[in-house]
Amino acid sequence: MTRKKTKTKRKMKSRAAERKKKKKKKKKKKKKKKKKKKKKKKKKKKKKNRQYRMQDWPSSHRLWACSSGDLSSGRALQTVSHCSQL
């Protein structure tokens, strides 16, 4: 009579499942890291773009935005910080 090999098979199955779980966890972590990096890059780009837009405007526009008090447009909203300097 031959011995059944169920114990080792079961062990192998559980090991494979563990490996799979570990791989999934690693993949998830990598994805999260990538997402975070992308978000950081986007934020940096936005900041750089805003700085460029701020210095690109002529001072007359800043004066106009401050005097007219038109805060509905996004451009004027960012010039509010300049109002105190002018």
N, C-alpha and C. Protein backbone atom coordinates (compact mmCIF):
# COMPACT_ATOMS: atom_id res chain seq x y z
N MET A 1 0.84 -1.20 0.00
CA MET A 1 0.00 0.00 0.00
C MET A 1 0.88 1.27 0.00
N THR A 2 0.58 2.18 -0.90
CA THR A 2 1.39 3.40 -0.99
C THR A 2 0.83 4.51 -0.12
N ARG A 3 1.73 5.36 0.35
CA ARG A 3 1.34 6.46 1.22
C ARG A 3 0.80 7.63 0.39
N LYS A 4 -0.25 8.26 0.88
CA LYS A 4 -0.82 9.41 0.18
C LYS A 4 0.08 10.63 0.39
N LYS A 5 0.18 11.45 -0.64
CA LYS A 5 1.06 12.62 -0.55
C LYS A 5 0.26 13.91 -0.33
N THR A 6 -0.78 13.82 0.44
CA THR A 6 -1.66 14.98 0.63
C THR A 6 -1.00 16.09 1.43
N LYS A 7 -0.26 15.72 2.46
CA LYS A 7 0.34 16.72 3.35
C LYS A 7 1.29 17.66 2.59
N THR A 8 2.18 17.08 1.81
CA THR A 8 3.14 17.92 1.07
C THR A 8 2.44 18.75 0.00
N LYS A 9 1.45 18.15 -0.62
CA LYS A 9 0.70 18.87 -1.65
C LYS A 9 0.01 20.08 -1.05
N ARG A 10 -0.59 19.85 0.13
CA ARG A 10 -1.30 20.92 0.82
C ARG A 10 -0.32 22.03 1.20
N LYS A 11 0.83 21.62 1.68
CA LYS A 11 1.87 22.58 2.08
C LYS A 11 2.30 23.42 0.88
N MET A 12 2.51 22.75 -0.23
CA MET A 12 2.94 23.45 -1.44
C MET A 12 1.88 24.45 -1.90
N LYS A 13 0.62 24.02 -1.80
CA LYS A 13 -0.48 24.90 -2.19
C LYS A 13 -0.51 26.15 -1.33
N SER A 14 -0.35 25.95 -0.02
CA SER A 14 -0.40 27.09 0.89
C SER A 14 0.79 28.02 0.66
N ARG A 15 1.94 27.42 0.35
CA ARG A 15 3.13 28.23 0.06
C ARG A 15 2.90 29.07 -1.18
N ALA A 16 2.31 28.45 -2.19
CA ALA A 16 2.03 29.16 -3.44
C ALA A 16 1.06 30.31 -3.19
N ALA A 17 0.07 30.04 -2.35
CA ALA A 17 -0.92 31.07 -2.01
C ALA A 17 -0.25 32.23 -1.29
N GLU A 18 0.67 31.88 -0.38
CA GLU A 18 1.41 32.92 0.36
C GLU A 18 2.24 33.78 -0.58
N ARG A 19 2.91 33.09 -1.52
CA ARG A 19 3.73 33.80 -2.50
C ARG A 19 2.88 34.76 -3.32
N LYS A 20 1.71 34.27 -3.71
CA LYS A 20 0.79 35.06 -4.51
C LYS A 20 0.35 36.31 -3.74
N LYS A 21 0.04 36.08 -2.46
CA LYS A 21 -0.39 37.17 -1.59
C LYS A 21 0.70 38.22 -1.47
N LYS A 22 1.92 37.74 -1.25
CA LYS A 22 3.08 38.62 -1.09
C LYS A 22 3.29 39.46 -2.35
N LYS A 23 3.18 38.79 -3.50
CA LYS A 23 3.36 39.45 -4.79
C LYS A 23 2.31 40.54 -4.98
N LYS A 24 1.06 40.21 -4.62
CA LYS A 24 -0.04 41.14 -4.76
C LYS A 24 0.19 42.38 -3.89
N LYS A 25 0.65 42.12 -2.65
CA LYS A 25 0.92 43.19 -1.70
C LYS A 25 2.01 44.12 -2.23
N LYS A 26 3.07 43.51 -2.78
CA LYS A 26 4.19 44.26 -3.32
C LYS A 26 3.74 45.13 -4.49
N LYS A 27 2.90 44.53 -5.35
CA LYS A 27 2.39 45.23 -6.52
C LYS A 27 1.55 46.44 -6.10
N LYS A 28 0.71 46.21 -5.07
CA LYS A 28 -0.16 47.26 -4.56
C LYS A 28 0.68 48.42 -4.00
N LYS A 29 1.73 48.06 -3.26
CA LYS A 29 2.62 49.05 -2.65
C LYS A 29 3.30 49.87 -3.74
N LYS A 30 3.76 49.17 -4.79
CA LYS A 30 4.45 49.82 -5.90
C LYS A 30 3.51 50.80 -6.60
N LYS A 31 2.26 50.35 -6.80
CA LYS A 31 1.25 51.17 -7.46
C LYS A 31 0.98 52.43 -6.65
N LYS A 32 0.87 52.25 -5.33
CA LYS A 32 0.61 53.37 -4.43
C LYS A 32 1.74 54.38 -4.50
N LYS A 33 2.98 53.86 -4.50
CA LYS A 33 4.18 54.71 -4.55
C LYS A 33 4.19 55.51 -5.86
N LYS A 34 3.85 54.81 -6.96
CA LYS A 34 3.84 55.43 -8.28
C LYS A 34 2.81 56.55 -8.32
N LYS A 35 1.63 56.27 -7.72
CA LYS A 35 0.54 57.25 -7.69
C LYS A 35 0.97 58.49 -6.92
N LYS A 36 1.63 58.24 -5.77
CA LYS A 36 2.11 59.33 -4.92
C LYS A 36 3.12 60.19 -5.67
N LYS A 37 4.03 59.52 -6.40
CA LYS A 37 5.07 60.21 -7.16
C LYS A 37 4.43 61.07 -8.24
N LYS A 38 3.42 60.50 -8.92
CA LYS A 38 2.72 61.20 -9.98
C LYS A 38 2.03 62.45 -9.44
N LYS A 39 1.40 62.29 -8.26
CA LYS A 39 0.69 63.39 -7.63
C LYS A 39 1.66 64.51 -7.28
N LYS A 40 2.83 64.12 -6.74
CA LYS A 40 3.86 65.08 -6.34
C LYS A 40 4.35 65.84 -7.57
N LYS A 41 4.56 65.11 -8.67
CA LYS A 41 5.05 65.70 -9.91
C LYS A 41 4.04 66.71 -10.43
N LYS A 42 2.74 66.33 -10.37
CA LYS A 42 1.66 67.19 -10.85
C LYS A 42 1.61 68.47 -10.04
N LYS A 43 1.76 68.32 -8.70
CA LYS A 43 1.73 69.46 -7.80
C LYS A 43 2.87 70.42 -8.11
N LYS A 44 4.07 69.85 -8.34
CA LYS A 44 5.26 70.63 -8.65
C LYS A 44 5.05 71.41 -9.94
N LYS A 45 4.48 70.73 -10.95
CA LYS A 45 4.23 71.33 -12.25
C LYS A 45 3.25 72.49 -12.12
N LYS A 46 2.20 72.26 -11.31
CA LYS A 46 1.18 73.27 -11.09
C LYS A 46 1.80 74.51 -10.46
N LYS A 47 2.65 74.27 -9.45
CA LYS A 47 3.31 75.36 -8.72
C LYS A 47 4.20 76.16 -9.67
N LYS A 48 4.96 75.45 -10.49
CA LYS A 48 5.88 76.09 -11.43
C LYS A 48 5.09 76.93 -12.43
N ASN A 49 4.00 76.37 -12.91
CA ASN A 49 3.15 77.03 -13.88
C ASN A 49 2.57 78.31 -13.29
N ARG A 50 2.16 78.22 -12.02
CA ARG A 50 1.56 79.38 -11.37
C ARG A 50 2.59 80.49 -11.21
N GLN A 51 3.80 80.10 -10.83
CA GLN A 51 4.86 81.09 -10.66
C GLN A 51 5.15 81.79 -11.99
N TYR A 52 5.14 81.01 -13.06
CA TYR A 52 5.41 81.56 -14.38
C TYR A 52 4.32 82.55 -14.77
N ARG A 53 3.07 82.16 -14.50
CA ARG A 53 1.95 83.03 -14.85
C ARG A 53 2.01 84.33 -14.06
N MET A 54 2.42 84.22 -12.80
CA MET A 54 2.46 85.41 -11.93
C MET A 54 3.48 86.42 -12.45
N GLN A 55 4.65 85.94 -12.85
CA GLN A 55 5.69 86.87 -13.28
C GLN A 55 5.46 87.36 -14.71
N ASP A 56 4.63 86.62 -15.43
CA ASP A 56 4.38 86.95 -16.82
C ASP A 56 3.45 88.15 -16.99
N TRP A 57 2.62 88.40 -15.98
CA TRP A 57 1.65 89.48 -16.13
C TRP A 57 2.32 90.84 -15.98
N PRO A 58 1.85 91.80 -16.73
CA PRO A 58 2.34 93.18 -16.54
C PRO A 58 1.74 93.74 -15.25
N SER A 59 2.45 94.68 -14.66
CA SER A 59 1.98 95.23 -13.38
C SER A 59 0.66 95.97 -13.56
N SER A 60 0.41 96.47 -14.78
CA SER A 60 -0.84 97.20 -15.02
C SER A 60 -2.04 96.28 -14.81
N HIS A 61 -1.87 95.03 -15.19
CA HIS A 61 -2.97 94.08 -15.00
C HIS A 61 -3.21 93.83 -13.52
N ARG A 62 -2.11 93.78 -12.77
CA ARG A 62 -2.23 93.56 -11.33
C ARG A 62 -2.96 94.74 -10.69
N LEU A 63 -2.59 95.93 -11.15
CA LEU A 63 -3.23 97.14 -10.64
C LEU A 63 -4.71 97.12 -10.95
N TRP A 64 -5.02 96.71 -12.19
CA TRP A 64 -6.42 96.67 -12.61
C TRP A 64 -7.21 95.67 -11.77
N ALA A 65 -6.59 94.52 -11.53
CA ALA A 65 -7.28 93.47 -10.77
C ALA A 65 -7.54 93.92 -9.34
N CYS A 66 -6.59 94.68 -8.79
CA CYS A 66 -6.74 95.14 -7.42
C CYS A 66 -7.78 96.25 -7.33
N SER A 67 -7.73 97.17 -8.29
CA SER A 67 -8.64 98.31 -8.22
C SER A 67 -10.07 97.94 -8.58
N SER A 68 -10.21 97.05 -9.56
CA SER A 68 -11.57 96.71 -9.99
C SER A 68 -12.24 95.77 -8.99
N GLY A 69 -11.44 95.05 -8.27
CA GLY A 69 -11.99 94.12 -7.28
C GLY A 69 -12.71 92.95 -7.92
N ASP A 70 -12.35 92.67 -9.15
CA ASP A 70 -12.98 91.55 -9.86
C ASP A 70 -12.30 90.25 -9.43
N LEU A 71 -12.92 89.61 -8.47
CA LEU A 71 -12.31 88.38 -7.94
C LEU A 71 -12.97 87.14 -8.51
N SER A 72 -13.88 87.33 -9.43
CA SER A 72 -14.57 86.16 -9.99
C SER A 72 -13.66 85.38 -10.93
N SER A 73 -12.76 86.09 -11.60
CA SER A 73 -11.86 85.39 -12.52
C SER A 73 -10.69 84.81 -11.75
N GLY A 74 -10.23 83.67 -12.19
CA GLY A 74 -9.13 82.99 -11.52
C GLY A 74 -7.85 83.78 -11.53
N ARG A 75 -7.65 84.55 -12.59
CA ARG A 75 -6.40 85.31 -12.72
C ARG A 75 -6.32 86.36 -11.62
N ALA A 76 -7.43 87.03 -11.41
CA ALA A 76 -7.43 88.10 -10.41
C ALA A 76 -7.26 87.52 -9.01
N LEU A 77 -7.80 86.35 -8.82
CA LEU A 77 -7.71 85.71 -7.50
C LEU A 77 -6.26 85.54 -7.08
N GLN A 78 -5.42 85.21 -8.03
CA GLN A 78 -4.02 85.00 -7.70
C GLN A 78 -3.26 86.31 -7.55
N THR A 79 -3.85 87.39 -8.01
CA THR A 79 -3.16 88.68 -7.91
C THR A 79 -3.45 89.35 -6.59
N VAL A 80 -4.40 88.83 -5.84
CA VAL A 80 -4.76 89.43 -4.56
C VAL A 80 -3.54 89.57 -3.67
N SER A 81 -2.66 88.60 -3.72
CA SER A 81 -1.46 88.65 -2.89
C SER A 81 -0.59 89.86 -3.26
N HIS A 82 -0.71 90.33 -4.48
CA HIS A 82 0.09 91.48 -4.91
C HIS A 82 -0.52 92.80 -4.45
N CYS A 83 -1.81 92.78 -4.15
CA CYS A 83 -2.49 94.02 -3.77
C CYS A 83 -1.81 94.69 -2.58
N SER A 84 -1.38 93.89 -1.64
CA SER A 84 -0.75 94.45 -0.44
C SER A 84 0.60 95.08 -0.78
N GLN A 85 1.25 94.57 -1.81
CA GLN A 85 2.57 95.10 -2.18
C GLN A 85 2.47 96.38 -3.00
N LEU A 86 1.35 96.53 -3.70
CA LEU A 86 1.22 97.70 -4.59
C LEU A 86 0.75 98.92 -3.82
